[in-house]
PDB file of N, CA and C in Angstrom:
ATOM      1  N   MET A   1      18.657  -4.071 -44.480  1.00  0.00           N
ATOM      2  CA  MET A   1      17.474  -3.287 -44.210  1.00  0.00           C
ATOM      3  C   MET A   1      16.613  -3.944 -43.138  1.00  0.00           C
ATOM      4  N   GLN A   2      16.467  -5.264 -43.212  1.00  0.00           N
ATOM      5  CA  GLN A   2      15.667  -6.003 -42.237  1.00  0.00           C
ATOM      6  C   GLN A   2      16.252  -5.860 -40.833  1.00  0.00           C
ATOM      7  N   LEU A   3      17.572  -5.840 -40.725  1.00  0.00           N
ATOM      8  CA  LEU A   3      18.236  -5.711 -39.431  1.00  0.00           C
ATOM      9  C   LEU A   3      17.927  -4.361 -38.800  1.00  0.00           C
ATOM     10  N   ASN A   4      17.878  -3.300 -39.589  1.00  0.00           N
ATOM     11  CA  ASN A   4      17.565  -1.971 -39.072  1.00  0.00           C
ATOM     12  C   ASN A   4      16.140  -1.911 -38.528  1.00  0.00           C
ATOM     13  N   ARG A   5      15.208  -2.540 -39.222  1.00  0.00           N
ATOM     14  CA  ARG A   5      13.818  -2.585 -38.746  1.00  0.00           C
ATOM     15  C   ARG A   5      13.721  -3.338 -37.435  1.00  0.00           C
ATOM     16  N   THR A   6      14.396  -4.466 -37.363  1.00  0.00           N
ATOM     17  CA  THR A   6      14.377  -5.275 -36.149  1.00  0.00           C
ATOM     18  C   THR A   6      14.998  -4.515 -34.988  1.00  0.00           C
ATOM     19  N   ALA A   7      16.103  -3.849 -35.237  1.00  0.00           N
ATOM     20  CA  ALA A   7      16.765  -3.073 -34.188  1.00  0.00           C
ATOM     21  C   ALA A   7      15.873  -1.926 -33.728  1.00  0.00           C
ATOM     22  N   ALA A   8      15.215  -1.256 -34.664  1.00  0.00           N
ATOM     23  CA  ALA A   8      14.328  -0.149 -34.319  1.00  0.00           C
ATOM     24  C   ALA A   8      13.135  -0.646 -33.508  1.00  0.00           C
ATOM     25  N   LEU A   9      12.586  -1.779 -33.899  1.00  0.00           N
ATOM     26  CA  LEU A   9      11.460  -2.356 -33.170  1.00  0.00           C
ATOM     27  C   LEU A   9      11.877  -2.748 -31.759  1.00  0.00           C
ATOM     28  N   LEU A  10      13.009  -3.378 -31.640  1.00  0.00           N
ATOM     29  CA  LEU A  10      13.514  -3.782 -30.331  1.00  0.00           C
ATOM     30  C   LEU A  10      13.777  -2.569 -29.448  1.00  0.00           C
ATOM     31  N   LEU A  11      14.350  -1.527 -30.013  1.00  0.00           N
ATOM     32  CA  LEU A  11      14.610  -0.306 -29.264  1.00  0.00           C
ATOM     33  C   LEU A  11      13.312   0.334 -28.785  1.00  0.00           C
ATOM     34  N   SER A  12      12.294   0.357 -29.627  1.00  0.00           N
ATOM     35  CA  SER A  12      11.015   0.946 -29.221  1.00  0.00           C
ATOM     36  C   SER A  12      10.357   0.128 -28.114  1.00  0.00           C
ATOM     37  N   ILE A  13      10.501  -1.187 -28.151  1.00  0.00           N
ATOM     38  CA  ILE A  13       9.948  -2.039 -27.093  1.00  0.00           C
ATOM     39  C   ILE A  13      10.662  -1.768 -25.775  1.00  0.00           C
ATOM     40  N   VAL A  14      11.971  -1.652 -25.812  1.00  0.00           N
ATOM     41  CA  VAL A  14      12.745  -1.383 -24.593  1.00  0.00           C
ATOM     42  C   VAL A  14      12.370  -0.026 -24.010  1.00  0.00           C
ATOM     43  N   ILE A  15      12.260   0.985 -24.842  1.00  0.00           N
ATOM     44  CA  ILE A  15      11.907   2.328 -24.368  1.00  0.00           C
ATOM     45  C   ILE A  15      10.505   2.335 -23.772  1.00  0.00           C
ATOM     46  N   THR A  16       9.562   1.693 -24.426  1.00  0.00           N
ATOM     47  CA  THR A  16       8.195   1.615 -23.910  1.00  0.00           C
ATOM     48  C   THR A  16       8.158   0.920 -22.556  1.00  0.00           C
ATOM     49  N   THR A  17       8.885  -0.168 -22.424  1.00  0.00           N
ATOM     50  CA  THR A  17       8.934  -0.895 -21.161  1.00  0.00           C
ATOM     51  C   THR A  17       9.506  -0.025 -20.052  1.00  0.00           C
ATOM     52  N   LEU A  18      10.574   0.691 -20.344  1.00  0.00           N
ATOM     53  CA  LEU A  18      11.179   1.573 -19.342  1.00  0.00           C
ATOM     54  C   LEU A  18      10.220   2.681 -18.924  1.00  0.00           C
ATOM     55  N   LEU A  19       9.487   3.240 -19.865  1.00  0.00           N
ATOM     56  CA  LEU A  19       8.519   4.287 -19.534  1.00  0.00           C
ATOM     57  C   LEU A  19       7.395   3.752 -18.651  1.00  0.00           C
ATOM     58  N   ILE A  20       6.926   2.554 -18.930  1.00  0.00           N
ATOM     59  CA  ILE A  20       5.864   1.951 -18.122  1.00  0.00           C
ATOM     60  C   ILE A  20       6.354   1.704 -16.703  1.00  0.00           C
ATOM     61  N   VAL A  21       7.538   1.157 -16.561  1.00  0.00           N
ATOM     62  CA  VAL A  21       8.095   0.890 -15.230  1.00  0.00           C
ATOM     63  C   VAL A  21       8.278   2.190 -14.467  1.00  0.00           C
ATOM     64  N   HIS A  22       8.802   3.211 -15.123  1.00  0.00           N
ATOM     65  CA  HIS A  22       9.034   4.494 -14.470  1.00  0.00           C
ATOM     66  C   HIS A  22       7.718   5.128 -14.017  1.00  0.00           C
ATOM     67  N   SER A  23       6.693   5.091 -14.855  1.00  0.00           N
ATOM     68  CA  SER A  23       5.413   5.702 -14.486  1.00  0.00           C
ATOM     69  C   SER A  23       4.751   4.955 -13.336  1.00  0.00           C
ATOM     70  N   SER A  24       4.892   3.640 -13.272  1.00  0.00           N
ATOM     71  CA  SER A  24       4.290   2.898 -12.161  1.00  0.00           C
ATOM     72  C   SER A  24       5.004   3.211 -10.855  1.00  0.00           C
ATOM     73  N   LYS A  25       6.307   3.461 -10.902  1.00  0.00           N
ATOM     74  CA  LYS A  25       7.032   3.852  -9.691  1.00  0.00           C
ATOM     75  C   LYS A  25       6.584   5.226  -9.222  1.00  0.00           C
ATOM     76  N   LEU A  26       6.333   6.137 -10.147  1.00  0.00           N
ATOM     77  CA  LEU A  26       5.855   7.464  -9.773  1.00  0.00           C
ATOM     78  C   LEU A  26       4.483   7.385  -9.129  1.00  0.00           C
ATOM     79  N   GLU A  27       3.600   6.547  -9.658  1.00  0.00           N
ATOM     80  CA  GLU A  27       2.274   6.389  -9.083  1.00  0.00           C
ATOM     81  C   GLU A  27       2.363   5.844  -7.669  1.00  0.00           C
ATOM     82  N   ALA A  28       3.237   4.903  -7.425  1.00  0.00           N
ATOM     83  CA  ALA A  28       3.395   4.326  -6.092  1.00  0.00           C
ATOM     84  C   ALA A  28       3.899   5.371  -5.110  1.00  0.00           C
ATOM     85  N   LYS A  29       4.786   6.250  -5.546  1.00  0.00           N
ATOM     86  CA  LYS A  29       5.306   7.287  -4.656  1.00  0.00           C
ATOM     87  C   LYS A  29       4.233   8.315  -4.324  1.00  0.00           C
ATOM     88  N   ASN A  30       3.316   8.571  -5.249  1.00  0.00           N
ATOM     89  CA  ASN A  30       2.279   9.570  -5.034  1.00  0.00           C
ATOM     90  C   ASN A  30       1.200   9.104  -4.071  1.00  0.00           C
ATOM     91  N   LEU A  31       1.110   7.816  -3.814  1.00  0.00           N
ATOM     92  CA  LEU A  31       0.093   7.286  -2.925  1.00  0.00           C
ATOM     93  C   LEU A  31       0.617   7.342  -1.496  1.00  0.00           C
ATOM     94  N   GLN A  32       0.458   8.498  -0.866  1.00  0.00           N
ATOM     95  CA  GLN A  32       0.902   8.665   0.507  1.00  0.00           C
ATOM     96  C   GLN A  32      -0.222   9.304   1.297  1.00  0.00           C
ATOM     97  N   GLY A  33      -0.448   8.758   2.480  1.00  0.00           N
ATOM     98  CA  GLY A  33      -1.507   9.271   3.318  1.00  0.00           C
ATOM     99  C   GLY A  33      -1.058  10.485   4.104  1.00  0.00           C
ATOM    100  N   SER A  34      -2.014  11.353   4.394  1.00  0.00           N
ATOM    101  CA  SER A  34      -1.705  12.499   5.240  1.00  0.00           C
ATOM    102  C   SER A  34      -1.547  12.018   6.677  1.00  0.00           C
ATOM    103  N   LYS A  35      -0.997  12.870   7.507  1.00  0.00           N
ATOM    104  CA  LYS A  35      -0.811  12.508   8.910  1.00  0.00           C
ATOM    105  C   LYS A  35      -2.169  12.242   9.566  1.00  0.00           C
ATOM    106  N   GLU A  36      -3.189  12.998   9.171  1.00  0.00           N
ATOM    107  CA  GLU A  36      -4.528  12.813   9.743  1.00  0.00           C
ATOM    108  C   GLU A  36      -5.115  11.458   9.348  1.00  0.00           C
ATOM    109  N   GLN A  37      -4.959  11.080   8.071  1.00  0.00           N
ATOM    110  CA  GLN A  37      -5.451   9.771   7.621  1.00  0.00           C
ATOM    111  C   GLN A  37      -4.779   8.653   8.407  1.00  0.00           C
ATOM    112  N   CYS A  38      -3.478   8.764   8.542  1.00  0.00           N
ATOM    113  CA  CYS A  38      -2.721   7.725   9.240  1.00  0.00           C
ATOM    114  C   CYS A  38      -3.101   7.676  10.716  1.00  0.00           C
ATOM    115  N   LYS A  39      -3.363   8.842  11.303  1.00  0.00           N
ATOM    116  CA  LYS A  39      -3.763   8.882  12.716  1.00  0.00           C
ATOM    117  C   LYS A  39      -5.123   8.208  12.905  1.00  0.00           C
ATOM    118  N   ARG A  40      -6.059   8.439  11.972  1.00  0.00           N
ATOM    119  CA  ARG A  40      -7.374   7.789  12.066  1.00  0.00           C
ATOM    120  C   ARG A  40      -7.235   6.271  11.985  1.00  0.00           C
ATOM    121  N   ILE A  41      -6.393   5.811  11.087  1.00  0.00           N
ATOM    122  CA  ILE A  41      -6.181   4.368  10.950  1.00  0.00           C
ATOM    123  C   ILE A  41      -5.570   3.807  12.225  1.00  0.00           C
ATOM    124  N   ALA A  42      -4.563   4.504  12.774  1.00  0.00           N
ATOM    125  CA  ALA A  42      -3.908   4.043  14.004  1.00  0.00           C
ATOM    126  C   ALA A  42      -4.901   3.995  15.163  1.00  0.00           C
ATOM    127  N   THR A  43      -5.797   4.984  15.240  1.00  0.00           N
ATOM    128  CA  THR A  43      -6.811   5.013  16.301  1.00  0.00           C
ATOM    129  C   THR A  43      -7.763   3.827  16.170  1.00  0.00           C
ATOM    130  N   LYS A  44      -8.185   3.529  14.945  1.00  0.00           N
ATOM    131  CA  LYS A  44      -9.076   2.382  14.725  1.00  0.00           C
ATOM    132  C   LYS A  44      -8.390   1.075  15.098  1.00  0.00           C
ATOM    133  N   ILE A  45      -7.116   0.950  14.748  1.00  0.00           N
ATOM    134  CA  ILE A  45      -6.374  -0.263  15.099  1.00  0.00           C
ATOM    135  C   ILE A  45      -6.279  -0.402  16.614  1.00  0.00           C
ATOM    136  N   ASP A  46      -6.008   0.708  17.310  1.00  0.00           N
ATOM    137  CA  ASP A  46      -5.937   0.673  18.779  1.00  0.00           C
ATOM    138  C   ASP A  46      -7.275   0.267  19.390  1.00  0.00           C
ATOM    139  N   MET A  47      -8.381   0.776  18.837  1.00  0.00           N
ATOM    140  CA  MET A  47      -9.706   0.416  19.352  1.00  0.00           C
ATOM    141  C   MET A  47      -9.969  -1.077  19.169  1.00  0.00           C
ATOM    142  N   ILE A  48      -9.601  -1.602  18.026  1.00  0.00           N
ATOM    143  CA  ILE A  48      -9.791  -3.034  17.769  1.00  0.00           C
ATOM    144  C   ILE A  48      -8.927  -3.859  18.712  1.00  0.00           C
ATOM    145  N   ASN A  49      -7.690  -3.417  18.937  1.00  0.00           N
ATOM    146  CA  ASN A  49      -6.815  -4.134  19.869  1.00  0.00           C
ATOM    147  C   ASN A  49      -7.406  -4.165  21.274  1.00  0.00           C
ATOM    148  N   ASP A  50      -7.992  -3.040  21.706  1.00  0.00           N
ATOM    149  CA  ASP A  50      -8.633  -2.990  23.026  1.00  0.00           C
ATOM    150  C   ASP A  50      -9.801  -3.969  23.105  1.00  0.00           C
ATOM    151  N   LYS A  51     -10.602  -4.030  22.055  1.00  0.00           N
ATOM    152  CA  LYS A  51     -11.727  -4.970  22.024  1.00  0.00           C
ATOM    153  C   LYS A  51     -11.233  -6.406  22.099  1.00  0.00           C
ATOM    154  N   ARG A  52     -10.170  -6.705  21.368  1.00  0.00           N
ATOM    155  CA  ARG A  52      -9.632  -8.076  21.368  1.00  0.00           C
ATOM    156  C   ARG A  52      -9.074  -8.447  22.739  1.00  0.00           C
ATOM    157  N   ARG A  53      -8.462  -7.484  23.411  1.00  0.00           N
ATOM    158  CA  ARG A  53      -7.940  -7.764  24.754  1.00  0.00           C
ATOM    159  C   ARG A  53      -9.072  -8.073  25.734  1.00  0.00           C
ATOM    160  N   ALA A  54     -10.212  -7.401  25.535  1.00  0.00           N
ATOM    161  CA  ALA A  54     -11.359  -7.624  26.417  1.00  0.00           C
ATOM    162  C   ALA A  54     -11.994  -8.984  26.160  1.00  0.00           C
ATOM    163  N   GLY A  55     -11.758  -9.537  24.993  1.00  0.00           N
ATOM    164  CA  GLY A  55     -12.267 -10.871  24.684  1.00  0.00           C
ATOM    165  C   GLY A  55     -13.567 -10.836  23.916  1.00  0.00           C
ATOM    166  N   GLY A  56     -13.953 -11.998  23.450  1.00  0.00           N
ATOM    167  CA  GLY A  56     -15.178 -12.140  22.680  1.00  0.00           C
ATOM    168  C   GLY A  56     -15.259 -13.549  22.133  1.00  0.00           C
ATOM    169  N   SER A  57     -16.307 -13.802  21.381  1.00  0.00           N
ATOM    170  CA  SER A  57     -16.461 -15.128  20.787  1.00  0.00           C
ATOM    171  C   SER A  57     -15.366 -15.350  19.746  1.00  0.00           C
ATOM    172  N   SER A  58     -15.200 -16.584  19.378  1.00  0.00           N
ATOM    173  CA  SER A  58     -14.189 -16.930  18.377  1.00  0.00           C
ATOM    174  C   SER A  58     -14.463 -16.208  17.059  1.00  0.00           C
ATOM    175  N   ALA A  59     -15.718 -16.171  16.668  1.00  0.00           N
ATOM    176  CA  ALA A  59     -16.089 -15.515  15.413  1.00  0.00           C
ATOM    177  C   ALA A  59     -15.815 -14.011  15.485  1.00  0.00           C
ATOM    178  N   GLN A  60     -16.134 -13.408  16.639  1.00  0.00           N
ATOM    179  CA  GLN A  60     -15.911 -11.968  16.792  1.00  0.00           C
ATOM    180  C   GLN A  60     -14.419 -11.633  16.786  1.00  0.00           C
ATOM    181  N   MET A  61     -13.627 -12.466  17.472  1.00  0.00           N
ATOM    182  CA  MET A  61     -12.178 -12.241  17.505  1.00  0.00           C
ATOM    183  C   MET A  61     -11.599 -12.338  16.089  1.00  0.00           C
ATOM    184  N   ASP A  62     -12.087 -13.301  15.318  1.00  0.00           N
ATOM    185  CA  ASP A  62     -11.613 -13.470  13.946  1.00  0.00           C
ATOM    186  C   ASP A  62     -11.999 -12.267  13.087  1.00  0.00           C
ATOM    187  N   LYS A  63     -13.208 -11.769  13.273  1.00  0.00           N
ATOM    188  CA  LYS A  63     -13.678 -10.598  12.529  1.00  0.00           C
ATOM    189  C   LYS A  63     -12.813  -9.379  12.849  1.00  0.00           C
ATOM    190  N   TRP A  64     -12.515  -9.168  14.136  1.00  0.00           N
ATOM    191  CA  TRP A  64     -11.674  -8.036  14.539  1.00  0.00           C
ATOM    192  C   TRP A  64     -10.249  -8.179  13.992  1.00  0.00           C
ATOM    193  N   ARG A  65      -9.731  -9.402  14.003  1.00  0.00           N
ATOM    194  CA  ARG A  65      -8.377  -9.638  13.489  1.00  0.00           C
ATOM    195  C   ARG A  65      -8.302  -9.292  12.001  1.00  0.00           C
ATOM    196  N   LYS A  66      -9.313  -9.726  11.252  1.00  0.00           N
ATOM    197  CA  LYS A  66      -9.336  -9.431   9.816  1.00  0.00           C
ATOM    198  C   LYS A  66      -9.446  -7.927   9.560  1.00  0.00           C
ATOM    199  N   LYS A  67     -10.268  -7.251  10.351  1.00  0.00           N
ATOM    200  CA  LYS A  67     -10.428  -5.801  10.205  1.00  0.00           C
ATOM    201  C   LYS A  67      -9.120  -5.087  10.536  1.00  0.00           C
ATOM    202  N   ARG A  68      -8.451  -5.524  11.611  1.00  0.00           N
ATOM    203  CA  ARG A  68      -7.169  -4.924  12.002  1.00  0.00           C
ATOM    204  C   ARG A  68      -6.122  -5.142  10.910  1.00  0.00           C
ATOM    205  N   ASN A  69      -6.077  -6.346  10.354  1.00  0.00           N
ATOM    206  CA  ASN A  69      -5.117  -6.627   9.283  1.00  0.00           C
ATOM    207  C   ASN A  69      -5.399  -5.783   8.037  1.00  0.00           C
ATOM    208  N   ALA A  70      -6.678  -5.583   7.728  1.00  0.00           N
ATOM    209  CA  ALA A  70      -7.036  -4.754   6.569  1.00  0.00           C
ATOM    210  C   ALA A  70      -6.597  -3.304   6.797  1.00  0.00           C
ATOM    211  N   LEU A  71      -6.788  -2.813   8.020  1.00  0.00           N
ATOM    212  CA  LEU A  71      -6.358  -1.452   8.336  1.00  0.00           C
ATOM    213  C   LEU A  71      -4.837  -1.328   8.291  1.00  0.00           C
ATOM    214  N   SER A  72      -4.149  -2.346   8.773  1.00  0.00           N
ATOM    215  CA  SER A  72      -2.681  -2.337   8.725  1.00  0.00           C
ATOM    216  C   SER A  72      -2.189  -2.330   7.281  1.00  0.00           C
ATOM    217  N   ASP A  73      -2.844  -3.109   6.426  1.00  0.00           N
ATOM    218  CA  ASP A  73      -2.489  -3.126   5.003  1.00  0.00           C
ATOM    219  C   ASP A  73      -2.713  -1.755   4.369  1.00  0.00           C
ATOM    220  N   LYS A  74      -3.824  -1.119   4.742  1.00  0.00           N
ATOM    221  CA  LYS A  74      -4.127   0.206   4.206  1.00  0.00           C
ATOM    222  C   LYS A  74      -3.069   1.216   4.649  1.00  0.00           C
ATOM    223  N   ALA A  75      -2.677   1.148   5.929  1.00  0.00           N
ATOM    224  CA  ALA A  75      -1.642   2.052   6.441  1.00  0.00           C
ATOM    225  C   ALA A  75      -0.326   1.829   5.707  1.00  0.00           C
ATOM    226  N   TYR A  76      -0.016   0.580   5.424  1.00  0.00           N
ATOM    227  CA  TYR A  76       1.219   0.267   4.698  1.00  0.00           C
ATOM    228  C   TYR A  76       1.173   0.840   3.283  1.00  0.00           C
ATOM    229  N   LYS A  77       0.037   0.677   2.610  1.00  0.00           N
ATOM    230  CA  LYS A  77      -0.096   1.165   1.237  1.00  0.00           C
ATOM    231  C   LYS A  77      -0.050   2.693   1.173  1.00  0.00           C
ATOM    232  N   LEU A  78      -0.523   3.348   2.240  1.00  0.00           N
ATOM    233  CA  LEU A  78      -0.493   4.809   2.291  1.00  0.00           C
ATOM    234  C   LEU A  78       0.849   5.335   2.793  1.00  0.00           C
ATOM    235  N   ASN A  79       1.780   4.416   3.068  1.00  0.00           N
ATOM    236  CA  ASN A  79       3.118   4.784   3.521  1.00  0.00           C
ATOM    237  C   ASN A  79       3.067   5.585   4.825  1.00  0.00           C
ATOM    238  N   CYS A  80       2.248   5.143   5.765  1.00  0.00           N
ATOM    239  CA  CYS A  80       2.100   5.844   7.039  1.00  0.00           C
ATOM    240  C   CYS A  80       3.362   5.767   7.893  1.00  0.00           C
ATOM    241  N   ARG A  81       4.296   4.898   7.547  1.00  0.00           N
ATOM    242  CA  ARG A  81       5.549   4.797   8.301  1.00  0.00           C
ATOM    243  C   ARG A  81       6.324   6.107   8.257  1.00  0.00           C
ATOM    244  N   LYS A  82       6.104   6.892   7.219  1.00  0.00           N
ATOM    245  CA  LYS A  82       6.853   8.145   7.079  1.00  0.00           C
ATOM    246  C   LYS A  82       6.538   9.118   8.210  1.00  0.00           C
ATOM    247  N   HIS A  83       5.386   8.954   8.871  1.00  0.00           N
ATOM    248  CA  HIS A  83       4.997   9.847   9.961  1.00  0.00           C
ATOM    249  C   HIS A  83       5.540   9.380  11.304  1.00  0.00           C
ATOM    250  N   GLY A  84       6.163   8.225  11.325  1.00  0.00           N
ATOM    251  CA  GLY A  84       6.668   7.689  12.587  1.00  0.00           C
ATOM    252  C   GLY A  84       5.533   7.137  13.425  1.00  0.00           C
ATOM    253  N   LYS A  85       5.775   6.957  14.692  1.00  0.00           N
ATOM    254  CA  LYS A  85       4.761   6.439  15.618  1.00  0.00           C
ATOM    255  C   LYS A  85       3.708   7.513  15.835  1.00  0.00           C
ATOM    256  N   ILE A  86       2.470   7.197  15.538  1.00  0.00           N
ATOM    257  CA  ILE A  86       1.377   8.169  15.659  1.00  0.00           C
ATOM    258  C   ILE A  86       0.599   7.882  16.931  1.00  0.00           C
ATOM    259  N   LYS A  87       0.428   8.874  17.732  1.00  0.00           N
ATOM    260  CA  LYS A  87      -0.396   8.768  18.951  1.00  0.00           C
ATOM    261  C   LYS A  87      -1.285   9.964  19.077  1.00  0.00           C
TER     262      LYS A  87
END
C-alpha cells in the first residue's frame, strides 16, 4: 500500500513539473513584438549609434552604450528577429 502512495505522489510531481515547464514555454512564445514596436526600437538604436559616432564625453558615451544595450535586450525579448532587418 505504501508503494502505491509513493508512486502516485511521484507521478503527480512529475505531471505538475511538466505542466509548469509547458506553460512557461507558451508564455515565452506569446511575448512577441509587433513590427511597429520593433521598428521603433530599431530607430532608437540607430539614433543612439549616430550620436555615438559624433562623439561625446566618456560619461555620455557610456550612458548611450547602456541605453543601446537595453534596447537591444528589449528587441531580443520581443523576438524582433522574426521581422528580419527593419528599416
